[in-house]
Amino acid sequence: MSTSSDKKEKTEKVSTFIAKEWFGYWIGLISGLLAIVEAIAKIFVSDLKWFDVVFACTCAIALIAFIVKVCKDIESIKNLIFSDYSKKMLNADKQHKDVSEKLEKYLKSINAEEDVDYNVLCGTIKDFFDSLWYSDTCRYTISVSIKGFNPSSLDKNIERWEIITLGRSNGYGDSRCENDRKKDIITVEQNSDFLVLLSSKYKDTKFVVADLNDPNFKAEFLEEYGMDYRNSTERYWEKYRSTIVVPIRKQRANDGCFEILGFLCVDTKEPFQDSSSVFDAGSFYLSGFSEVLYSLIKKMINGENSNE
């Protein structure tokens, strides 16, 4: 669920623009219509006078000018609305490529026997989102985490699979890390985001919410999934308000099913209040990072199995 502040801002800009230009539009439109009426009338009238010809030509020129003006103004409105967003996305694409290459380089540099520092990986991805979601209106406190499964629980039903935190960035200081260190068993069924992404009952490929404490989100979640939103983090709304979760997975060639190794999550302590387009873009970039992490985690799992 995304906020609508950016849509409101765009609407206000367009409304202001049109309010200033309405006179020129109406004059051009009326002139054009008169030219059309004049042309039709002359088909049935043979005694043309010189001022009729002048009037028809003038109206035709006005209609052409009106069409040119509309085309230019449409382009101006598009530039007004999308210029900043386009620049931001172009920069984000370049940064995403650089970070992905950095993660892949790290992947190639390790051996299966070595332990991976998932906290460092989370910190690298967090740096990307610090840039993507930088805002003059709200400074977001961002945290990135990588979730995996307790291998000993994978012989149970999916709902009973146990979630473990493999790594987390230090965006929130130590408060979230302290929660990760708790020995409480966390299962899939205690967290609606993981349950929705794992269940074959749903077709969701990402979980994206701009404000978890928004009553509209909770009502929409209940309507769509037929259950209340659940979160195992005690008083979660005090710890984070927006979240994006994508599965770390890869489709198998033999049967077309997905092998899911965990989840990649990014959240902010504050509700996300800037452009919903920029927020939604975060899920696209996060999915790209998850593909790299799949290869990394798979390599670690294979290495552990070979040592048993």
Protein backbone atom coordinates (compact mmCIF):
# COMPACT_ATOMS: atom_id res chain seq x y z
CA MET A 1 0.00 0.00 0.00
CA SER A 2 1.43 3.37 -1.02
CA THR A 3 0.74 6.91 -0.02
CA SER A 4 -0.92 9.37 -2.40
CA SER A 5 0.99 12.54 -1.52
CA ASP A 6 2.87 12.50 -4.83
CA LYS A 7 -0.38 12.12 -6.80
CA LYS A 8 -1.86 15.09 -4.98
CA GLU A 9 1.23 17.16 -5.76
CA LYS A 10 1.09 16.27 -9.46
CA THR A 11 -2.62 17.09 -9.66
CA GLU A 12 -2.06 20.49 -8.06
CA LYS A 13 0.71 21.32 -10.54
CA VAL A 14 -1.41 20.37 -13.54
CA SER A 15 -4.44 22.24 -12.19
CA THR A 16 -2.39 25.40 -11.65
CA PHE A 17 -0.92 25.13 -15.13
CA ILE A 18 -4.32 24.75 -16.81
CA ALA A 19 -5.84 27.55 -14.70
CA LYS A 20 -3.25 29.96 -16.10
CA GLU A 21 -3.71 28.83 -19.70
CA TRP A 22 -7.49 28.37 -19.96
CA PHE A 23 -8.13 31.60 -21.92
CA GLY A 24 -5.72 30.67 -24.73
CA TYR A 25 -7.17 27.17 -24.94
CA TRP A 26 -10.78 28.34 -25.23
CA ILE A 27 -9.97 31.05 -27.81
CA GLY A 28 -8.09 28.55 -29.93
CA LEU A 29 -10.82 25.93 -29.62
CA ILE A 30 -13.65 28.35 -30.49
CA SER A 31 -11.70 29.71 -33.46
CA GLY A 32 -11.07 26.22 -34.73
CA LEU A 33 -14.72 25.25 -34.45
CA LEU A 34 -15.75 28.41 -36.32
CA ALA A 35 -13.31 27.50 -39.09
CA ILE A 36 -14.91 24.08 -39.43
CA VAL A 37 -18.43 25.57 -39.53
CA GLU A 38 -17.28 28.13 -42.13
CA ALA A 39 -15.77 25.45 -44.34
CA ILE A 40 -18.93 23.34 -44.22
CA ALA A 41 -21.16 26.34 -44.98
CA LYS A 42 -19.14 27.30 -48.07
CA ILE A 43 -19.76 23.93 -49.59
CA PHE A 44 -23.38 24.91 -50.06
CA VAL A 45 -22.88 28.59 -50.90
CA SER A 46 -21.49 29.65 -54.27
CA ASP A 47 -21.18 33.46 -53.91
CA LEU A 48 -18.01 33.67 -51.78
CA LYS A 49 -16.98 37.17 -50.66
CA TRP A 50 -13.38 38.20 -49.99
CA PHE A 51 -13.94 38.65 -46.26
CA ASP A 52 -15.37 35.11 -46.06
CA VAL A 53 -12.11 33.75 -47.44
CA VAL A 54 -10.05 35.89 -45.04
CA PHE A 55 -12.17 34.78 -42.10
CA ALA A 56 -11.84 31.11 -43.03
CA CYS A 57 -8.06 31.41 -43.42
CA THR A 58 -7.74 33.22 -40.11
CA CYS A 59 -9.74 30.55 -38.30
CA ALA A 60 -7.74 27.78 -39.96
CA ILE A 61 -4.49 29.39 -38.79
CA ALA A 62 -5.93 29.73 -35.29
CA LEU A 63 -6.86 26.04 -35.28
CA ILE A 64 -3.35 25.03 -36.33
CA ALA A 65 -1.88 27.31 -33.67
CA PHE A 66 -4.20 25.74 -31.09
CA ILE A 67 -3.08 22.22 -32.01
CA VAL A 68 0.60 23.20 -31.84
CA LYS A 69 0.03 24.87 -28.47
CA VAL A 70 -1.68 21.80 -27.04
CA CYS A 71 1.15 19.53 -28.19
CA LYS A 72 3.78 21.79 -26.64
CA ASP A 73 1.86 22.14 -23.39
CA ILE A 74 1.33 18.40 -23.07
CA GLU A 75 5.08 17.95 -23.40
CA SER A 76 5.64 20.68 -20.80
CA ILE A 77 3.26 18.99 -18.37
CA LYS A 78 4.99 15.64 -18.88
CA ASN A 79 8.39 17.22 -18.26
CA LEU A 80 7.05 19.03 -15.20
CA ILE A 81 5.76 15.81 -13.67
CA PHE A 82 8.37 13.26 -14.66
CA SER A 83 11.70 15.06 -15.00
CA ASP A 84 12.85 14.69 -11.39
CA TYR A 85 11.60 11.12 -11.19
CA SER A 86 13.32 10.15 -14.45
CA LYS A 87 16.64 11.59 -13.31
CA LYS A 88 16.34 9.79 -9.99
CA MET A 89 15.59 6.47 -11.65
CA LEU A 90 18.45 6.80 -14.13
CA ASN A 91 20.82 7.41 -11.24
CA ALA A 92 19.28 4.51 -9.30
CA ASP A 93 19.76 2.15 -12.26
CA LYS A 94 23.46 2.97 -12.36
CA GLN A 95 23.84 2.56 -8.60
CA HIS A 96 21.92 -0.71 -8.64
CA LYS A 97 24.25 -2.07 -11.30
CA ASP A 98 27.31 -1.00 -9.30
CA VAL A 99 26.02 -2.58 -6.07
CA SER A 100 25.02 -5.80 -7.87
CA GLU A 101 28.51 -6.06 -9.35
CA LYS A 102 29.98 -5.48 -5.91
CA LEU A 103 27.85 -8.29 -4.44
CA GLU A 104 28.75 -10.63 -7.30
CA LYS A 105 32.45 -9.84 -6.86
CA TYR A 106 32.11 -10.71 -3.18
CA LEU A 107 30.37 -13.96 -4.14
CA LYS A 108 33.24 -14.98 -6.41
CA SER A 109 35.86 -14.12 -3.79
CA ILE A 110 34.64 -16.50 -1.09
CA ASN A 111 34.96 -20.23 -0.68
CA ALA A 112 32.11 -22.45 0.40
CA GLU A 113 33.95 -23.23 3.64
CA GLU A 114 34.10 -19.60 4.72
CA ASP A 115 31.44 -17.85 6.73
CA VAL A 116 29.67 -15.03 4.95
CA ASP A 117 29.27 -11.70 6.74
CA TYR A 118 25.60 -11.11 5.98
CA ASN A 119 25.66 -7.89 8.00
CA VAL A 120 28.12 -6.41 5.51
CA LEU A 121 25.89 -7.48 2.61
CA CYS A 122 22.90 -5.84 4.29
CA GLY A 123 24.90 -2.68 4.86
CA THR A 124 25.88 -2.54 1.18
CA ILE A 125 22.24 -2.81 0.09
CA LYS A 126 21.19 -0.27 2.72
CA ASP A 127 23.61 2.27 1.22
CA PHE A 128 21.74 1.92 -2.07
CA PHE A 129 18.36 2.58 -0.43
CA ASP A 130 19.78 5.52 1.53
CA SER A 131 20.42 7.10 -1.85
CA LEU A 132 17.22 5.93 -3.58
CA TRP A 133 14.95 7.13 -0.79
CA TYR A 134 16.85 10.30 0.07
CA SER A 135 14.34 13.09 0.59
CA ASP A 136 14.44 16.73 1.61
CA THR A 137 11.04 16.40 3.28
CA CYS A 138 11.70 13.28 5.37
CA ARG A 139 14.95 11.60 6.37
CA TYR A 140 14.19 7.90 6.52
CA THR A 141 15.85 5.55 8.98
CA ILE A 142 16.42 2.43 6.88
CA SER A 143 17.19 -1.15 7.83
CA VAL A 144 17.94 -4.10 5.55
CA SER A 145 17.85 -7.71 6.72
CA ILE A 146 18.31 -11.17 5.24
CA LYS A 147 16.09 -13.94 6.56
CA GLY A 148 16.65 -17.67 6.22
CA PHE A 149 15.07 -20.88 7.46
CA ASN A 150 16.10 -23.16 10.29
CA PRO A 151 17.08 -26.34 8.39
CA SER A 152 15.73 -28.57 11.15
CA SER A 153 12.22 -27.16 10.66
CA LEU A 154 11.94 -27.72 6.90
CA ASP A 155 10.40 -31.17 7.32
CA LYS A 156 7.29 -29.54 8.85
CA ASN A 157 4.42 -27.81 7.10
CA ILE A 158 5.40 -24.47 5.55
CA GLU A 159 3.46 -22.56 8.21
CA ARG A 160 5.70 -24.12 10.87
CA TRP A 161 9.01 -23.33 9.18
CA GLU A 162 11.22 -21.36 11.54
CA ILE A 163 12.61 -17.99 10.46
CA ILE A 164 16.14 -16.92 11.41
CA THR A 165 17.85 -13.58 10.77
CA LEU A 166 21.10 -14.18 8.91
CA GLY A 167 22.15 -10.54 8.90
CA ARG A 168 21.00 -6.95 9.37
CA SER A 169 22.34 -3.51 8.62
CA ASN A 170 22.89 -1.16 11.57
CA GLY A 171 20.41 1.48 10.38
CA TYR A 172 18.43 1.40 13.62
CA GLY A 173 21.36 1.08 15.97
CA ASP A 174 21.25 -2.00 18.20
CA SER A 175 17.50 -2.15 18.97
CA ARG A 176 16.55 -4.34 16.00
CA CYS A 177 19.71 -6.44 16.31
CA GLU A 178 18.86 -7.10 19.95
CA ASN A 179 15.47 -8.39 18.86
CA ASP A 180 17.20 -10.67 16.32
CA ARG A 181 19.33 -12.18 19.06
CA LYS A 182 16.32 -13.34 21.06
CA LYS A 183 15.99 -17.10 21.27
CA ASP A 184 12.24 -17.07 20.65
CA ILE A 185 11.18 -19.37 17.85
CA ILE A 186 9.64 -17.36 15.00
CA THR A 187 7.52 -19.24 12.49
CA VAL A 188 6.11 -18.37 9.09
CA GLU A 189 2.52 -18.41 10.31
CA GLN A 190 3.31 -15.66 12.82
CA ASN A 191 4.22 -13.26 10.00
CA SER A 192 1.71 -12.50 7.27
CA ASP A 193 4.33 -11.24 4.81
CA PHE A 194 6.29 -14.51 4.84
CA LEU A 195 3.10 -16.59 4.82
CA VAL A 196 1.66 -14.80 1.80
CA LEU A 197 4.91 -15.07 -0.17
CA LEU A 198 5.39 -18.77 0.63
CA SER A 199 1.85 -20.06 0.31
CA SER A 200 0.82 -21.67 -2.98
CA LYS A 201 -2.64 -20.26 -2.30
CA TYR A 202 -1.47 -16.79 -3.33
CA LYS A 203 0.52 -15.56 -6.32
CA ASP A 204 2.30 -12.66 -4.62
CA THR A 205 5.94 -12.07 -5.57
CA LYS A 206 6.55 -9.20 -3.14
CA PHE A 207 5.09 -7.61 -0.03
CA VAL A 208 5.05 -3.80 -0.24
CA VAL A 209 3.45 -1.53 2.39
CA ALA A 210 4.12 2.19 2.86
CA ASP A 211 2.56 2.31 6.34
CA LEU A 212 1.90 -0.85 8.33
CA ASN A 213 -0.10 1.09 10.90
CA ASP A 214 -2.51 2.55 8.35
CA PRO A 215 -6.06 1.27 9.09
CA ASN A 216 -6.75 1.19 5.34
CA PHE A 217 -3.88 -1.25 4.82
CA LYS A 218 -5.17 -3.58 7.54
CA ALA A 219 -8.71 -3.46 6.15
CA GLU A 220 -7.51 -4.15 2.61
CA PHE A 221 -5.27 -6.98 3.81
CA LEU A 222 -8.21 -8.61 5.60
CA GLU A 223 -10.42 -8.25 2.53
CA GLU A 224 -7.83 -9.66 0.13
CA TYR A 225 -6.46 -12.53 2.20
CA GLY A 226 -9.31 -13.28 4.58
CA MET A 227 -7.13 -12.94 7.68
CA ASP A 228 -5.80 -10.24 9.95
CA TYR A 229 -2.28 -8.97 9.41
CA ARG A 230 0.15 -10.69 11.78
CA ASN A 231 3.66 -9.69 12.84
CA SER A 232 5.81 -11.54 15.36
CA THR A 233 7.77 -8.41 16.35
CA GLU A 234 6.33 -7.07 19.59
CA ARG A 235 4.84 -3.59 19.03
CA TYR A 236 6.24 -3.65 15.52
CA TRP A 237 4.68 -0.29 14.62
CA GLU A 238 7.07 1.40 17.03
CA LYS A 239 10.08 -0.21 15.35
CA TYR A 240 9.22 0.16 11.66
CA ARG A 241 6.31 1.46 9.61
CA SER A 242 7.05 0.78 5.94
CA THR A 243 8.36 -2.48 4.56
CA ILE A 244 9.25 -4.29 1.36
CA VAL A 245 9.86 -8.06 1.44
CA VAL A 246 10.90 -10.19 -1.54
CA PRO A 247 11.70 -13.91 -1.59
CA ILE A 248 15.23 -15.08 -2.23
CA ARG A 249 14.38 -17.70 -4.79
CA LYS A 250 15.04 -19.25 -8.20
CA GLN A 251 12.79 -21.16 -10.56
CA ARG A 252 13.83 -24.76 -11.13
CA ALA A 253 14.22 -25.84 -14.74
CA ASN A 254 12.90 -29.39 -14.23
CA ASP A 255 9.46 -28.63 -12.77
CA GLY A 256 9.06 -24.83 -12.97
CA CYS A 257 8.63 -24.53 -9.20
CA PHE A 258 10.58 -22.03 -7.11
CA GLU A 259 13.22 -22.94 -4.58
CA ILE A 260 13.00 -20.34 -1.80
CA LEU A 261 16.00 -19.93 0.49
CA GLY A 262 14.75 -16.97 2.54
CA PHE A 263 13.72 -13.34 2.27
CA LEU A 264 15.36 -9.99 1.66
CA CYS A 265 13.69 -7.18 3.59
CA VAL A 266 14.00 -3.40 3.71
CA ASP A 267 11.99 -1.21 6.04
CA THR A 268 11.91 2.33 7.40
CA LYS A 269 11.24 3.46 10.92
CA GLU A 270 8.95 6.18 9.57
CA PRO A 271 5.93 5.75 7.27
CA PHE A 272 6.97 6.35 3.67
CA GLN A 273 5.45 9.68 2.65
CA ASP A 274 7.24 10.63 -0.55
CA SER A 275 6.68 9.46 -4.12
CA SER A 276 4.87 6.13 -4.28
CA SER A 277 6.65 5.52 -7.61
CA VAL A 278 10.03 5.75 -5.91
CA PHE A 279 8.86 3.51 -3.06
CA ASP A 280 7.46 0.90 -5.45
CA ALA A 281 10.69 1.02 -7.46
CA GLY A 282 12.39 -0.22 -4.31
CA SER A 283 10.72 -3.62 -4.71
CA PHE A 284 12.10 -3.93 -8.25
CA TYR A 285 15.65 -3.18 -7.15
CA LEU A 286 15.31 -5.39 -4.05
CA SER A 287 14.27 -8.31 -6.26
CA GLY A 288 17.42 -7.77 -8.32
CA PHE A 289 19.58 -7.98 -5.21
CA SER A 290 17.75 -11.12 -4.06
CA GLU A 291 18.79 -12.93 -7.25
CA VAL A 292 22.45 -12.33 -6.39
CA LEU A 293 21.89 -13.42 -2.78
CA TYR A 294 20.25 -16.65 -3.93
CA SER A 295 23.50 -17.72 -5.57
CA LEU A 296 25.44 -16.77 -2.46
CA ILE A 297 23.20 -18.59 0.03
CA LYS A 298 22.94 -21.62 -2.25
CA LYS A 299 26.73 -21.78 -2.39
CA MET A 300 26.88 -21.71 1.41
CA ILE A 301 24.26 -24.45 1.76
CA ASN A 302 26.06 -26.69 -0.71
CA GLY A 303 29.33 -26.08 1.13
CA GLU A 304 27.79 -27.01 4.48
CA ASN A 305 26.24 -30.17 3.04
CA SER A 306 29.55 -31.25 1.52
CA ASN A 307 31.21 -30.96 4.94
CA GLU A 308 28.66 -33.09 6.79
